[in-house]
Amino acid sequence: QVQLVETGGGLVQPGGSLRLSCTASGSIFSIRAMGWYRQAPGTQRELVASINSGGSYTNYADSVKGRFAISRDNAKNTVYLQMNSLTPEDTAVYYCNWAPQVMAGPWGQGTQVTVSS
């Protein structure tokens, strides 16, 4: 079974940046579209960024467009999320998984991102 491990979260001031990483075990990583999701307390998990299997096509939620960038390294079974110009509204637990969400497998533990002064 594929395992997904997210890292890179933390506490950052508004306007700051973070880079999240997600490493997947298993050999199917390179043939699947991947996404970064987030879930804030009391809200549903939402897809904020996705990338196709080859890394040539990306898509973003309107709330993060122009600030976040998703990328992947299939040789390392890793997908990244570069987050810039962070705001308190970006505070959430961030997860990676297959995209779209209907294709998602078991969820990892996620990584907490807190934007606060």
Protein backbone atom coordinates (compact mmCIF):
# COMPACT_ATOMS: atom_id res chain seq x y z
CA GLN A 1 0.00 0.00 0.00
CA VAL A 2 1.29 3.42 -0.91
CA GLN A 3 2.21 5.66 1.98
CA LEU A 4 2.35 9.43 1.74
CA VAL A 5 4.52 11.46 4.11
CA GLU A 6 4.20 15.22 4.21
CA THR A 7 6.87 17.48 5.70
CA GLY A 8 7.86 21.12 5.77
CA GLY A 9 5.09 22.78 7.70
CA GLY A 10 5.58 25.18 10.56
CA LEU A 11 4.85 28.59 11.98
CA VAL A 12 5.44 31.52 9.66
CA GLN A 13 4.60 35.20 9.77
CA PRO A 14 2.13 36.72 7.31
CA GLY A 15 3.89 37.40 4.04
CA GLY A 16 6.34 34.58 4.61
CA SER A 17 7.05 31.45 2.62
CA LEU A 18 7.20 27.71 3.19
CA ARG A 19 8.02 24.76 0.99
CA LEU A 20 6.16 21.54 1.63
CA SER A 21 7.33 18.13 0.47
CA CYS A 22 5.46 14.89 0.09
CA THR A 23 7.20 11.59 -0.55
CA ALA A 24 5.29 8.54 -1.69
CA SER A 25 6.33 4.95 -1.38
CA GLY A 26 5.54 2.56 -4.20
CA SER A 27 6.08 2.48 -7.94
CA ILE A 28 2.85 4.07 -9.15
CA PHE A 29 3.74 7.61 -8.16
CA SER A 30 4.98 8.67 -11.59
CA ILE A 31 1.80 7.65 -13.40
CA ARG A 32 -0.66 9.45 -11.15
CA ALA A 33 -1.75 13.05 -10.95
CA MET A 34 -0.99 14.46 -7.51
CA GLY A 35 -2.56 17.18 -5.45
CA TRP A 36 -2.02 19.22 -2.34
CA TYR A 37 -5.05 19.54 -0.12
CA ARG A 38 -5.68 21.47 3.05
CA GLN A 39 -8.13 21.35 5.89
CA ALA A 40 -8.67 24.10 8.41
CA PRO A 41 -10.58 23.44 11.65
CA GLY A 42 -14.30 23.16 11.03
CA THR A 43 -13.94 23.06 7.27
CA GLN A 44 -13.90 20.39 4.60
CA ARG A 45 -10.68 19.29 3.00
CA GLU A 46 -10.09 21.21 -0.22
CA LEU A 47 -7.80 20.70 -3.17
CA VAL A 48 -5.54 23.72 -3.53
CA ALA A 49 -3.13 22.59 -6.24
CA SER A 50 -2.73 19.67 -8.61
CA ILE A 51 -0.17 18.49 -11.13
CA ASN A 52 -0.39 15.89 -13.85
CA SER A 53 1.79 12.80 -13.94
CA GLY A 54 4.47 14.34 -16.14
CA GLY A 55 4.54 17.66 -14.35
CA SER A 56 3.59 19.69 -17.41
CA TYR A 57 0.16 20.80 -16.28
CA THR A 58 -0.81 22.43 -13.01
CA ASN A 59 -4.03 23.80 -11.61
CA TYR A 60 -4.75 25.95 -8.57
CA ALA A 61 -7.65 27.01 -6.43
CA ASP A 62 -8.47 30.68 -6.87
CA SER A 63 -7.52 31.33 -3.26
CA VAL A 64 -3.87 30.39 -3.86
CA LYS A 65 -3.39 31.21 -7.52
CA GLY A 66 -0.31 33.34 -8.06
CA ARG A 67 1.07 32.54 -4.59
CA PHE A 68 1.51 28.76 -4.53
CA ALA A 69 3.42 26.58 -6.97
CA ILE A 70 3.23 22.80 -7.19
CA SER A 71 5.99 20.72 -8.72
CA ARG A 72 7.14 17.13 -8.71
CA ASP A 73 10.25 15.02 -9.06
CA ASN A 74 9.20 11.58 -10.24
CA ALA A 75 12.71 10.22 -9.78
CA LYS A 76 12.35 10.97 -6.08
CA ASN A 77 8.65 10.09 -5.79
CA THR A 78 8.18 13.56 -4.34
CA VAL A 79 5.76 16.40 -4.91
CA TYR A 80 6.38 19.91 -3.60
CA LEU A 81 4.29 22.93 -2.75
CA GLN A 82 6.03 26.29 -2.67
CA MET A 83 3.87 28.72 -0.72
CA ASN A 84 4.58 32.44 -0.86
CA SER A 85 2.84 35.53 0.49
CA LEU A 86 1.16 33.46 3.14
CA THR A 87 -1.83 34.85 5.01
CA PRO A 88 -3.59 33.68 8.19
CA GLU A 89 -6.29 32.22 5.93
CA ASP A 90 -3.72 29.70 4.71
CA THR A 91 -3.49 28.17 8.18
CA ALA A 92 -4.47 24.52 7.89
CA VAL A 93 -3.18 20.98 7.86
CA TYR A 94 -1.78 20.27 4.41
CA TYR A 95 -1.96 16.85 2.82
CA CYS A 96 -0.86 15.36 -0.46
CA ASN A 97 -2.71 12.63 -2.30
CA TRP A 98 -3.78 11.58 -5.74
CA ALA A 99 -5.84 14.08 -7.66
CA PRO A 100 -8.69 14.68 -8.10
CA GLN A 101 -10.03 13.95 -4.64
CA VAL A 102 -12.30 11.15 -5.86
CA MET A 103 -9.12 9.27 -6.72
CA ALA A 104 -7.53 9.86 -3.33
CA GLY A 105 -6.18 6.92 -1.38
CA PRO A 106 -5.44 6.65 2.33
CA TRP A 107 -4.46 9.97 3.87
CA GLY A 108 -1.19 10.61 5.61
CA GLN A 109 -0.82 12.63 8.79
CA GLY A 110 -0.37 15.89 6.96
CA THR A 111 1.78 18.81 7.98
CA GLN A 112 0.54 21.79 9.98
CA VAL A 113 0.97 25.25 8.52
CA THR A 114 0.26 28.14 10.85
CA VAL A 115 0.45 31.72 9.62
CA SER A 116 0.49 34.14 12.50
CA SER A 117 2.34 37.16 13.78
